[in-house]
C-alpha atoms as a PDB file:
ATOM      1  CA  MET A   1      17.486  18.121  14.441  1.00  0.00           C
ATOM      2  CA  LEU A   2      14.686  20.268  15.753  1.00  0.00           C
ATOM      3  CA  PRO A   3      14.468  21.032  19.530  1.00  0.00           C
ATOM      4  CA  VAL A   4      12.204  18.640  21.427  1.00  0.00           C
ATOM      5  CA  ALA A   5       9.949  21.573  22.634  1.00  0.00           C
ATOM      6  CA  LEU A   6       9.447  22.835  19.052  1.00  0.00           C
ATOM      7  CA  THR A   7       8.793  19.363  17.595  1.00  0.00           C
ATOM      8  CA  LEU A   8       6.359  18.567  20.310  1.00  0.00           C
ATOM      9  CA  LEU A   9       4.555  21.861  19.639  1.00  0.00           C
ATOM     10  CA  LEU A  10       4.301  20.867  15.961  1.00  0.00           C
ATOM     11  CA  ALA A  11       3.097  17.384  16.910  1.00  0.00           C
ATOM     12  CA  LEU A  12       0.177  18.828  18.827  1.00  0.00           C
ATOM     13  CA  GLY A  13      -1.278  21.120  16.246  1.00  0.00           C
ATOM     14  CA  ALA A  14      -4.791  21.268  14.752  1.00  0.00           C
ATOM     15  CA  PRO A  15      -6.819  17.991  14.998  1.00  0.00           C
ATOM     16  CA  THR A  16      -7.266  15.721  11.990  1.00  0.00           C
ATOM     17  CA  ALA A  17      -9.412  12.672  11.419  1.00  0.00           C
ATOM     18  CA  GLU A  18      -6.638  10.631   9.925  1.00  0.00           C
ATOM     19  CA  PRO A  19      -5.837   7.434  11.932  1.00  0.00           C
ATOM     20  CA  ALA A  20      -2.441   6.858  13.329  1.00  0.00           C
ATOM     21  CA  GLN A  21      -0.305   4.160  11.628  1.00  0.00           C
ATOM     22  CA  VAL A  22       2.431   2.110  13.188  1.00  0.00           C
ATOM     23  CA  LEU A  23       5.466   2.250  10.849  1.00  0.00           C
ATOM     24  CA  TRP A  24       8.065   0.499  12.863  1.00  0.00           C
ATOM     25  CA  THR A  25       8.792  -0.791  16.388  1.00  0.00           C
ATOM     26  CA  THR A  26      11.959  -1.867  18.149  1.00  0.00           C
ATOM     27  CA  GLY A  27      11.854  -3.949  21.351  1.00  0.00           C
ATOM     28  CA  ASP A  28       8.809  -4.501  23.472  1.00  0.00           C
ATOM     29  CA  VAL A  29       5.929  -2.206  22.410  1.00  0.00           C
ATOM     30  CA  ARG A  30       2.375  -3.042  23.567  1.00  0.00           C
ATOM     31  CA  LEU A  31      -1.100  -1.593  23.499  1.00  0.00           C
ATOM     32  CA  LEU A  32      -2.507  -0.684  26.938  1.00  0.00           C
ATOM     33  CA  PRO A  33      -6.137  -1.232  27.747  1.00  0.00           C
ATOM     34  CA  ASP A  34      -8.198   1.784  28.705  1.00  0.00           C
ATOM     35  CA  GLY A  35      -7.425   3.129  32.143  1.00  0.00           C
ATOM     36  CA  ALA A  36      -4.176   1.090  32.649  1.00  0.00           C
ATOM     37  CA  THR A  37      -1.073   2.546  34.334  1.00  0.00           C
ATOM     38  CA  LEU A  38       2.524   1.594  34.654  1.00  0.00           C
ATOM     39  CA  GLU A  39       1.777  -0.112  37.972  1.00  0.00           C
ATOM     40  CA  PRO A  40       2.422  -3.910  37.813  1.00  0.00           C
ATOM     41  CA  PRO A  41      -0.769  -5.568  36.633  1.00  0.00           C
ATOM     42  CA  PRO A  42      -2.600  -8.143  38.762  1.00  0.00           C
ATOM     43  CA  ALA A  43      -1.454 -11.668  38.172  1.00  0.00           C
ATOM     44  CA  GLU A  44      -4.792 -12.626  36.580  1.00  0.00           C
ATOM     45  CA  ALA A  45      -4.707  -9.700  34.051  1.00  0.00           C
ATOM     46  CA  PRO A  46      -4.536 -10.807  30.380  1.00  0.00           C
ATOM     47  CA  PRO A  47      -1.269 -10.149  28.566  1.00  0.00           C
ATOM     48  CA  LEU A  48      -0.976  -6.825  26.800  1.00  0.00           C
ATOM     49  CA  GLU A  49      -1.430  -6.898  23.063  1.00  0.00           C
ATOM     50  CA  PRO A  50       1.868  -6.416  21.087  1.00  0.00           C
ATOM     51  CA  VAL A  51       1.948  -3.684  18.355  1.00  0.00           C
ATOM     52  CA  ALA A  52       2.972  -4.605  14.842  1.00  0.00           C
ATOM     53  CA  VAL A  53       3.901  -2.696  11.712  1.00  0.00           C
ATOM     54  CA  ALA A  54       0.911  -1.388   9.809  1.00  0.00           C
ATOM     55  CA  ASP A  55      -1.400  -1.493  12.817  1.00  0.00           C
ATOM     56  CA  THR A  56      -3.863   1.348  13.088  1.00  0.00           C
ATOM     57  CA  LEU A  57      -4.124   3.227  16.426  1.00  0.00           C
ATOM     58  CA  PRO A  58      -7.259   5.176  17.277  1.00  0.00           C
ATOM     59  CA  THR A  59      -7.058   8.542  18.938  1.00  0.00           C
ATOM     60  CA  GLU A  60      -6.555   8.165  22.708  1.00  0.00           C
ATOM     61  CA  ALA A  61      -5.004   4.722  22.358  1.00  0.00           C
ATOM     62  CA  GLU A  62      -2.024   4.247  24.682  1.00  0.00           C
ATOM     63  CA  LEU A  63       1.293   2.507  24.064  1.00  0.00           C
ATOM     64  CA  LEU A  64       3.510   0.953  26.665  1.00  0.00           C
ATOM     65  CA  LEU A  65       7.222   0.903  25.788  1.00  0.00           C
ATOM     66  CA  GLU A  66       9.768  -0.985  27.841  1.00  0.00           C
ATOM     67  CA  ALA A  67      13.304   0.252  28.239  1.00  0.00           C
ATOM     68  CA  ASP A  68      15.239   0.508  24.997  1.00  0.00           C
ATOM     69  CA  ALA A  69      12.096   0.132  22.970  1.00  0.00           C
ATOM     70  CA  ASP A  70      10.827   2.604  20.435  1.00  0.00           C
ATOM     71  CA  ALA A  71       7.814   3.107  18.219  1.00  0.00           C
ATOM     72  CA  ARG A  72       7.627   5.128  15.057  1.00  0.00           C
ATOM     73  CA  VAL A  73       4.061   6.227  14.208  1.00  0.00           C
ATOM     74  CA  LEU A  74       2.550   8.359  11.418  1.00  0.00           C
ATOM     75  CA  VAL A  75       0.052  10.695  13.092  1.00  0.00           C
ATOM     76  CA  GLY A  76      -2.149  13.106  11.337  1.00  0.00           C
ATOM     77  CA  GLY A  77      -0.910  12.040   7.923  1.00  0.00           C
ATOM     78  CA  ALA A  78       2.242  14.234   7.960  1.00  0.00           C
ATOM     79  CA  VAL A  79       4.050  13.846  11.321  1.00  0.00           C
ATOM     80  CA  LEU A  80       6.466  11.012  12.118  1.00  0.00           C
ATOM     81  CA  ALA A  81       6.229  10.587  15.949  1.00  0.00           C
ATOM     82  CA  VAL A  82       9.186   8.691  17.520  1.00  0.00           C
ATOM     83  CA  ALA A  83       8.563   7.469  21.043  1.00  0.00           C
ATOM     84  CA  THR A  84      11.391   5.940  23.110  1.00  0.00           C
ATOM     85  CA  GLY A  85      10.814   3.895  26.279  1.00  0.00           C
ATOM     86  CA  PRO A  86      10.447   3.258  29.046  1.00  0.00           C
ATOM     87  CA  GLY A  87       7.100   5.007  29.268  1.00  0.00           C
ATOM     88  CA  ARG A  88       3.471   5.351  28.388  1.00  0.00           C
ATOM     89  CA  PHE A  89       2.377   7.363  25.356  1.00  0.00           C
ATOM     90  CA  ARG A  90      -1.084   8.466  24.162  1.00  0.00           C
ATOM     91  CA  VAL A  91      -2.120   8.944  20.533  1.00  0.00           C
ATOM     92  CA  GLY A  92      -3.348  12.478  19.947  1.00  0.00           C
ATOM     93  CA  ALA A  93      -4.910  14.017  16.860  1.00  0.00           C
ATOM     94  CA  THR A  94      -1.517  14.936  15.359  1.00  0.00           C
ATOM     95  CA  GLY A  95       1.073  13.495  17.694  1.00  0.00           C
ATOM     96  CA  LEU A  96       2.102  11.205  20.488  1.00  0.00           C
ATOM     97  CA  GLN A  97       1.883  12.566  24.035  1.00  0.00           C
ATOM     98  CA  HIS A  98       4.261  11.454  26.733  1.00  0.00           C
ATOM     99  CA  VAL A  99       2.122  10.442  29.738  1.00  0.00           C
ATOM    100  CA  GLU A 100       4.425   8.521  32.088  1.00  0.00           C
ATOM    101  CA  GLY A 101       7.863   7.142  32.522  1.00  0.00           C
ATOM    102  CA  ALA A 102      11.424   8.248  31.718  1.00  0.00           C
ATOM    103  CA  GLY A 103      11.089   7.950  27.933  1.00  0.00           C
ATOM    104  CA  ARG A 104      10.535  10.782  25.515  1.00  0.00           C
ATOM    105  CA  VAL A 105       8.876  11.557  22.291  1.00  0.00           C
ATOM    106  CA  LEU A 106      10.131  13.473  19.209  1.00  0.00           C
ATOM    107  CA  ALA A 107       7.961  14.642  16.288  1.00  0.00           C
ATOM    108  CA  VAL A 108       9.395  14.993  12.806  1.00  0.00           C
ATOM    109  CA  PRO A 109       7.149  16.927  10.425  1.00  0.00           C
ATOM    110  CA  LEU A 110       7.214  15.363   7.027  1.00  0.00           C
ATOM    111  CA  THR A 111       7.152  18.554   5.016  1.00  0.00           C
ATOM    112  CA  GLY A 112       5.718  18.076   1.526  1.00  0.00           C
ATOM    113  CA  PHE A 113       4.461  14.616   2.251  1.00  0.00           C
ATOM    114  CA  THR A 114       0.778  13.650   1.769  1.00  0.00           C
ATOM    115  CA  LEU A 115      -0.834  10.351   1.138  1.00  0.00           C
ATOM    116  CA  GLY A 116      -2.924   9.973  -1.993  1.00  0.00           C
ATOM    117  CA  PRO A 117      -6.685   9.954  -2.387  1.00  0.00           C
ATOM    118  CA  ARG A 118      -7.138   6.207  -1.895  1.00  0.00           C
ATOM    119  CA  PRO A 119      -6.289   5.391   1.845  1.00  0.00           C
ATOM    120  CA  PRO A 120      -4.287   2.179   2.154  1.00  0.00           C
ATOM    121  CA  ALA A 121      -6.157  -0.773   3.648  1.00  0.00           C
ATOM    122  CA  VAL A 122      -5.413  -1.241   7.370  1.00  0.00           C
ATOM    123  CA  ALA A 123      -6.166  -4.952   7.638  1.00  0.00           C
ATOM    124  CA  ALA A 124      -2.948  -6.872   8.216  1.00  0.00           C
ATOM    125  CA  ASP A 125      -4.409 -10.190   7.129  1.00  0.00           C
ATOM    126  CA  PRO A 126      -4.401 -11.071   3.419  1.00  0.00           C
ATOM    127  CA  THR A 127      -7.822 -10.643   1.802  1.00  0.00           C
ATOM    128  CA  GLY A 128      -9.107 -11.727  -1.639  1.00  0.00           C
ATOM    129  CA  PRO A 129      -8.495 -14.846  -3.617  1.00  0.00           C
ATOM    130  CA  ALA A 130      -5.219 -16.727  -3.499  1.00  0.00           C
ATOM    131  CA  GLU A 131      -3.649 -18.161  -6.684  1.00  0.00           C
ATOM    132  CA  THR A 132      -4.442 -21.923  -6.424  1.00  0.00           C
ATOM    133  CA  GLY A 133      -2.735 -24.411  -8.668  1.00  0.00           C
ATOM    134  CA  PRO A 134      -1.087 -23.945 -12.048  1.00  0.00           C
ATOM    135  CA  ARG A 135      -2.809 -22.091 -14.865  1.00  0.00           C
ATOM    136  CA  ALA A 136      -2.193 -22.422 -18.633  1.00  0.00           C
ATOM    137  CA  LEU A 137      -2.018 -18.627 -18.696  1.00  0.00           C
ATOM    138  CA  ARG A 138      -1.790 -15.804 -16.237  1.00  0.00           C
ATOM    139  CA  ILE A 139      -1.576 -12.006 -16.859  1.00  0.00           C
ATOM    140  CA  THR A 140       1.267 -10.815 -14.637  1.00  0.00           C
ATOM    141  CA  SER A 141       1.590  -7.102 -15.193  1.00  0.00           C
ATOM    142  CA  PRO A 142       0.057  -4.589 -15.061  1.00  0.00           C
ATOM    143  CA  ARG A 143      -2.695  -6.414 -13.221  1.00  0.00           C
ATOM    144  CA  HIS A 144      -5.479  -4.644 -11.250  1.00  0.00           C
ATOM    145  CA  THR A 145      -3.206  -1.639 -10.410  1.00  0.00           C
ATOM    146  CA  ALA A 146      -2.381   1.921 -11.396  1.00  0.00           C
ATOM    147  CA  ILE A 147       0.808   2.614 -13.351  1.00  0.00           C
ATOM    148  CA  THR A 148       2.837   5.693 -14.114  1.00  0.00           C
ATOM    149  CA  ASP A 149       4.249   4.779 -17.525  1.00  0.00           C
ATOM    150  CA  PRO A 150       1.965   5.614 -20.459  1.00  0.00           C
ATOM    151  CA  GLU A 151       3.927   3.155 -22.575  1.00  0.00           C
ATOM    152  CA  PRO A 152       3.937   0.022 -20.556  1.00  0.00           C
ATOM    153  CA  THR A 153       5.033  -3.479 -21.480  1.00  0.00           C
ATOM    154  CA  LEU A 154       2.117  -5.829 -20.935  1.00  0.00           C
ATOM    155  CA  ARG A 155       3.259  -9.247 -19.699  1.00  0.00           C
ATOM    156  CA  TRP A 156       1.689 -12.622 -19.192  1.00  0.00           C
ATOM    157  CA  ARG A 157       2.957 -16.066 -18.121  1.00  0.00           C
ATOM    158  CA  ALA A 158       2.265 -19.307 -19.867  1.00  0.00           C
ATOM    159  CA  PRO A 159       3.834 -22.836 -19.872  1.00  0.00           C
ATOM    160  CA  ALA A 160       7.058 -23.224 -21.844  1.00  0.00           C
ATOM    161  CA  GLY A 161       6.707 -24.490 -25.366  1.00  0.00           C
ATOM    162  CA  PRO A 162       5.270 -23.235 -28.630  1.00  0.00           C
ATOM    163  CA  ALA A 163       2.109 -21.302 -28.164  1.00  0.00           C
ATOM    164  CA  ARG A 164       0.360 -18.290 -29.792  1.00  0.00           C
ATOM    165  CA  PHE A 165      -1.951 -15.841 -28.057  1.00  0.00           C
ATOM    166  CA  ASP A 166      -4.977 -13.750 -28.828  1.00  0.00           C
ATOM    167  CA  PHE A 167      -4.734 -10.235 -27.270  1.00  0.00           C
ATOM    168  CA  THR A 168      -7.357  -7.495 -26.852  1.00  0.00           C
ATOM    169  CA  LEU A 169      -7.101  -4.009 -25.287  1.00  0.00           C
ATOM    170  CA  TRP A 170      -9.959  -1.728 -24.467  1.00  0.00           C
ATOM    171  CA  ARG A 171     -10.075   1.754 -22.954  1.00  0.00           C
ATOM    172  CA  LEU A 172     -12.981   2.826 -20.761  1.00  0.00           C
ATOM    173  CA  ASP A 173     -14.294   6.184 -22.004  1.00  0.00           C
ATOM    174  CA  ALA A 174     -16.014   8.955 -19.974  1.00  0.00           C
ATOM    175  CA  GLY A 175     -19.391   7.281 -20.350  1.00  0.00           C
ATOM    176  CA  GLY A 176     -18.172   3.923 -19.135  1.00  0.00           C
ATOM    177  CA  ARG A 177     -18.221   2.303 -22.518  1.00  0.00           C
ATOM    178  CA  GLN A 178     -15.323   0.057 -23.654  1.00  0.00           C
ATOM    179  CA  VAL A 179     -13.565   1.428 -26.677  1.00  0.00           C
ATOM    180  CA  LEU A 180     -11.639  -1.198 -28.609  1.00  0.00           C
ATOM    181  CA  MET A 181      -7.994  -0.048 -28.911  1.00  0.00           C
ATOM    182  CA  GLU A 182      -6.147  -3.154 -30.260  1.00  0.00           C
ATOM    183  CA  ARG A 183      -6.952  -6.741 -31.117  1.00  0.00           C
ATOM    184  CA  TRP A 184      -4.235  -9.201 -32.220  1.00  0.00           C
ATOM    185  CA  ARG A 185      -4.463 -12.845 -33.182  1.00  0.00           C
ATOM    186  CA  GLY A 186      -1.581 -15.317 -32.941  1.00  0.00           C
ATOM    187  CA  LEU A 187       1.047 -13.351 -31.018  1.00  0.00           C
ATOM    188  CA  ALA A 188       4.135 -15.462 -30.588  1.00  0.00           C
ATOM    189  CA  GLY A 189       5.644 -13.802 -27.484  1.00  0.00           C
ATOM    190  CA  ARG A 190       4.539 -13.290 -23.941  1.00  0.00           C
ATOM    191  CA  THR A 191       4.755  -9.463 -23.886  1.00  0.00           C
ATOM    192  CA  HIS A 192       3.216  -6.750 -25.877  1.00  0.00           C
ATOM    193  CA  VAL A 193       3.699  -2.943 -26.033  1.00  0.00           C
ATOM    194  CA  PRO A 194       0.553  -1.058 -27.122  1.00  0.00           C
ATOM    195  CA  ALA A 195       0.841   0.935 -30.288  1.00  0.00           C
ATOM    196  CA  GLY A 196       1.381   4.569 -29.122  1.00  0.00           C
ATOM    197  CA  PRO A 197       1.190   6.084 -25.670  1.00  0.00           C
ATOM    198  CA  LEU A 198      -1.865   5.360 -23.565  1.00  0.00           C
ATOM    199  CA  LYS A 199      -4.066   8.083 -22.354  1.00  0.00           C
ATOM    200  CA  PRO A 200      -3.172   9.459 -18.870  1.00  0.00           C
ATOM    201  CA  GLY A 201      -6.041   9.285 -16.460  1.00  0.00           C
ATOM    202  CA  ALA A 202      -7.752   6.454 -18.361  1.00  0.00           C
ATOM    203  CA  THR A 203      -8.496   2.923 -17.235  1.00  0.00           C
ATOM    204  CA  TYR A 204      -7.761  -0.011 -19.574  1.00  0.00           C
ATOM    205  CA  ARG A 205      -8.954  -3.623 -19.708  1.00  0.00           C
ATOM    206  CA  TRP A 206      -7.130  -6.295 -21.511  1.00  0.00           C
ATOM    207  CA  THR A 207      -7.422 -10.034 -22.218  1.00  0.00           C
ATOM    208  CA  VAL A 208      -5.064 -12.664 -23.374  1.00  0.00           C
ATOM    209  CA  ALA A 209      -6.095 -16.191 -24.459  1.00  0.00           C
ATOM    210  CA  VAL A 210      -4.218 -19.217 -25.763  1.00  0.00           C
ATOM    211  CA  GLN A 211      -4.986 -19.402 -29.472  1.00  0.00           C
ATOM    212  CA  GLY A 212      -6.920 -22.428 -30.408  1.00  0.00           C
ATOM    213  CA  ALA A 213      -7.886 -23.414 -26.788  1.00  0.00           C
ATOM    214  CA  ALA A 214     -11.543 -24.249 -26.124  1.00  0.00           C
ATOM    215  CA  SER A 215     -13.415 -21.255 -24.830  1.00  0.00           C
ATOM    216  CA  ASP A 216     -14.265 -23.089 -21.575  1.00  0.00           C
ATOM    217  CA  ALA A 217     -10.764 -24.564 -21.085  1.00  0.00           C
ATOM    218  CA  ALA A 218      -9.707 -23.880 -17.477  1.00  0.00           C
ATOM    219  CA  GLY A 219      -6.874 -21.405 -17.243  1.00  0.00           C
ATOM    220  CA  ALA A 220      -6.597 -20.845 -20.969  1.00  0.00           C
ATOM    221  CA  ALA A 221      -7.518 -17.125 -20.848  1.00  0.00           C
ATOM    222  CA  ASP A 222      -7.154 -14.287 -18.434  1.00  0.00           C
ATOM    223  CA  GLU A 223      -8.178 -10.666 -18.167  1.00  0.00           C
ATOM    224  CA  ALA A 224      -7.071  -7.622 -16.065  1.00  0.00           C
ATOM    225  CA  TRP A 225      -7.408  -3.892 -15.791  1.00  0.00           C
ATOM    226  CA  PHE A 226      -5.006  -1.094 -15.041  1.00  0.00           C
ATOM    227  CA  GLU A 227      -5.162   2.675 -14.748  1.00  0.00           C
ATOM    228  CA  VAL A 228      -2.640   5.118 -16.155  1.00  0.00           C
ATOM    229  CA  LEU A 229      -2.006   7.992 -13.676  1.00  0.00           C
ATOM    230  CA  THR A 230      -1.991  11.559 -15.044  1.00  0.00           C
ATOM    231  CA  ALA A 231       1.121  13.793 -15.202  1.00  0.00           C
ATOM    232  CA  ASP A 232      -0.187  15.769 -12.211  1.00  0.00           C
ATOM    233  CA  GLN A 233      -0.679  12.512 -10.220  1.00  0.00           C
ATOM    234  CA  VAL A 234       2.770  11.313 -11.015  1.00  0.00           C
ATOM    235  CA  ARG A 235       4.252  14.654  -9.913  1.00  0.00           C
ATOM    236  CA  GLU A 236       2.304  14.383  -6.643  1.00  0.00           C
ATOM    237  CA  VAL A 237       3.737  10.886  -6.082  1.00  0.00           C
ATOM    238  CA  GLU A 238       7.261  12.034  -6.922  1.00  0.00           C
ATOM    239  CA  GLY A 239       6.975  15.048  -4.615  1.00  0.00           C
ATOM    240  CA  ALA A 240       5.885  12.924  -1.733  1.00  0.00           C
ATOM    241  CA  LEU A 241       8.727  10.464  -2.293  1.00  0.00           C
ATOM    242  CA  SER A 242      11.184  13.298  -2.411  1.00  0.00           C
ATOM    243  CA  ALA A 243       9.794  14.529   0.938  1.00  0.00           C
ATOM    244  CA  LEU A 244      10.532  11.130   2.437  1.00  0.00           C
ATOM    245  CA  ASP A 245      14.085  11.219   1.137  1.00  0.00           C
ATOM    246  CA  ALA A 246      14.524  14.631   2.584  1.00  0.00           C
ATOM    247  CA  ALA A 247      13.207  13.507   6.006  1.00  0.00           C
ATOM    248  CA  LYS A 248      15.982  10.888   6.400  1.00  0.00           C
ATOM    249  CA  ASP A 249      18.403  13.328   7.976  1.00  0.00           C
ATOM    250  CA  ARG A 250      15.809  14.451  10.530  1.00  0.00           C
ATOM    251  CA  VAL A 251      14.798  11.060  11.793  1.00  0.00           C
ATOM    252  CA  PRO A 252      16.774   9.867  14.822  1.00  0.00           C
ATOM    253  CA  ARG A 253      18.336   6.437  14.246  1.00  0.00           C
ATOM    254  CA  PRO A 254      16.164   5.674  11.210  1.00  0.00           C
ATOM    255  CA  SER A 255      15.147   2.081  10.802  1.00  0.00           C
ATOM    256  CA  LEU A 256      12.782   1.054   7.998  1.00  0.00           C
ATOM    257  CA  GLU A 257       9.890   3.302   8.848  1.00  0.00           C
ATOM    258  CA  LEU A 258      10.357   5.449   5.762  1.00  0.00           C
ATOM    259  CA  GLU A 259      10.248   2.441   3.495  1.00  0.00           C
ATOM    260  CA  VAL A 260       6.976   1.403   5.171  1.00  0.00           C
ATOM    261  CA  LEU A 261       5.659   4.896   4.411  1.00  0.00           C
ATOM    262  CA  ARG A 262       6.855   4.503   0.854  1.00  0.00           C
ATOM    263  CA  ALA A 263       4.716   1.470   0.443  1.00  0.00           C
ATOM    264  CA  ARG A 264       1.729   3.181   2.061  1.00  0.00           C
ATOM    265  CA  LEU A 265       2.139   6.165  -0.200  1.00  0.00           C
ATOM    266  CA  LEU A 266       2.266   4.095  -3.390  1.00  0.00           C
ATOM    267  CA  GLU A 267      -0.848   2.098  -2.346  1.00  0.00           C
ATOM    268  CA  SER A 268      -2.724   5.343  -1.595  1.00  0.00           C
ATOM    269  CA  HIS A 269      -2.239   6.325  -5.285  1.00  0.00           C
ATOM    270  CA  GLY A 270      -3.478   2.909  -6.504  1.00  0.00           C
ATOM    271  CA  LEU A 271       0.064   1.782  -7.347  1.00  0.00           C
ATOM    272  CA  LEU A 272      -0.552  -1.673  -5.884  1.00  0.00           C
ATOM    273  CA  ALA A 273       2.130  -3.507  -7.827  1.00  0.00           C
ATOM    274  CA  ALA A 274       4.886  -1.058  -6.763  1.00  0.00           C
ATOM    275  CA  ALA A 275       3.592  -1.044  -3.164  1.00  0.00           C
ATOM    276  CA  GLU A 276       3.642  -4.873  -3.098  1.00  0.00           C
ATOM    277  CA  GLN A 277       7.289  -4.848  -4.288  1.00  0.00           C
ATOM    278  CA  VAL A 278       8.287  -2.536  -1.466  1.00  0.00           C
ATOM    279  CA  TRP A 279       6.526  -4.750   1.145  1.00  0.00           C
ATOM    280  CA  GLN A 280       8.149  -7.929  -0.266  1.00  0.00           C
ATOM    281  CA  GLN A 281      11.566  -6.303  -0.128  1.00  0.00           C
ATOM    282  CA  LEU A 282      10.966  -5.471   3.445  1.00  0.00           C
ATOM    283  CA  ALA A 283       9.755  -8.938   4.232  1.00  0.00           C
ATOM    284  CA  ASP A 284      12.847 -10.434   2.586  1.00  0.00           C
ATOM    285  CA  ARG A 285      15.046  -8.161   4.606  1.00  0.00           C
ATOM    286  CA  GLU A 286      13.276  -8.786   7.905  1.00  0.00           C
ATOM    287  CA  PRO A 287      12.066 -12.477   7.761  1.00  0.00           C
ATOM    288  CA  ASP A 288      11.329 -12.504  11.483  1.00  0.00           C
ATOM    289  CA  ARG A 289       8.546  -9.968  11.098  1.00  0.00           C
ATOM    290  CA  PRO A 290       5.558 -11.881   9.618  1.00  0.00           C
ATOM    291  CA  GLU A 291       3.449  -8.727   9.356  1.00  0.00           C
ATOM    292  CA  LEU A 292       5.596  -7.563   6.480  1.00  0.00           C
ATOM    293  CA  GLN A 293       4.885 -10.667   4.475  1.00  0.00           C
ATOM    294  CA  ARG A 294       1.249 -10.463   5.302  1.00  0.00           C
ATOM    295  CA  GLN A 295       1.140  -6.926   3.796  1.00  0.00           C
ATOM    296  CA  ALA A 296       2.821  -8.172   0.599  1.00  0.00           C
ATOM    297  CA  GLN A 297       0.427 -11.078   0.405  1.00  0.00           C
ATOM    298  CA  ARG A 298      -2.579  -8.754   0.941  1.00  0.00           C
ATOM    299  CA  LEU A 299      -1.629  -6.656  -2.079  1.00  0.00           C
ATOM    300  CA  ARG A 300      -0.813  -9.668  -4.154  1.00  0.00           C
ATOM    301  CA  ARG A 301      -4.274 -11.102  -3.508  1.00  0.00           C
ATOM    302  CA  ARG A 302      -5.923  -7.850  -4.313  1.00  0.00           C
ATOM    303  CA  GLN A 303      -4.184  -7.997  -7.732  1.00  0.00           C
ATOM    304  CA  LEU A 304      -5.481 -11.584  -8.215  1.00  0.00           C
ATOM    305  CA  GLY A 305      -8.958 -10.356  -7.498  1.00  0.00           C
ATOM    306  CA  THR A 306     -11.907  -9.646  -9.863  1.00  0.00           C
ATOM    307  CA  PRO A 307     -11.057  -8.068 -13.194  1.00  0.00           C
ATOM    308  CA  ARG A 308     -14.189  -5.884 -12.976  1.00  0.00           C
ATOM    309  CA  PRO A 309     -12.950  -2.536 -11.525  1.00  0.00           C
ATOM    310  CA  ARG A 310     -15.177  -0.375  -9.421  1.00  0.00           C
ATOM    311  CA  LEU A 311     -15.253   2.726 -11.475  1.00  0.00           C
ATOM    312  CA  ASP A 312     -16.513   4.861  -8.655  1.00  0.00           C
ATOM    313  CA  GLU A 313     -13.114   4.222  -7.043  1.00  0.00           C
ATOM    314  CA  LEU A 314     -11.100   4.638 -10.218  1.00  0.00           C
ATOM    315  CA  MET A 315     -12.841   7.470 -12.037  1.00  0.00           C
ATOM    316  CA  PRO A 316     -14.833  10.550 -11.078  1.00  0.00           C
ATOM    317  CA  PHE A 317     -17.872   9.726 -13.180  1.00  0.00           C
ATOM    318  CA  GLY A 318     -18.574   6.437 -11.230  1.00  0.00           C
ATOM    319  CA  VAL A 319     -20.361   4.366 -13.840  1.00  0.00           C
ATOM    320  CA  GLU A 320     -20.861   0.601 -14.093  1.00  0.00           C
ATOM    321  CA  LEU A 321     -18.531  -1.432 -16.267  1.00  0.00           C
ATOM    322  CA  PRO A 322     -20.366  -3.061 -19.056  1.00  0.00           C
ATOM    323  CA  ALA A 323     -19.883  -6.739 -19.912  1.00  0.00           C
ATOM    324  CA  LEU A 324     -17.232  -7.742 -22.438  1.00  0.00           C
ATOM    325  CA  PRO A 325     -18.574  -8.024 -26.040  1.00  0.00           C
END
């Protein structure tokens, strides 16, 4: 473990614009209003706002930690700050500053860790459409997400019983045009592996329809998109995950903050399905923390959203997606 003086020096380095993210809390951790102190508040003062996992903290925000409480916060994108109460702590550009009280703060540099180019959403509440009612058919994976495997198994869900499906796969080329890759009629299963590896860095759109169903039948067809990460992008993800694994021995009394960071990292690379899985595992493990379930629901709803990807977010050339033929 690094000496406190050295870690505090590392925590207070060059400023950065990245917001601080709450990764985990234990005990009573609350957000102080501007200008507050540790003095007992007047009886008519409103209660302090509790801090939850995945909350964003602006620079100069102050946290109040009671005795035996701690807060683990990602600051500056690459420093894990661990504050232990009792005390008051201020969010700086790249660390937490101990302001008052008998508590202390320790900074753990996450050497080799960086988030991806797509900052994770900070809203804790689910956004996007919810899945309402049964459907005759639903694409399940990959659905509105990036993936790392260039030879994925495409899966969909349909009611039990005999049924055949029509399947189409397109690739979006550098001009934004859809290039037909495969078209199958009457597939008997509910999975399909594309013929040959897919192109790294490309975005794909695919549709599945119940064969013989009326074109306007509700729920009889579905479509989705996915992106295949390049080898360099995959190495970047793997390197950051390795940095998290290497940090375990340097984090005092680790809780689940590194798993929260894992989910944030995956989302920042567009790997929404993988990030949702991590959040759901956390929610199942900690059922008394509703903010974890809200994060899993948020990503689930994003994947249930519109099948028309915004190419300016997915690709460098930023063109409009044409209509399906």
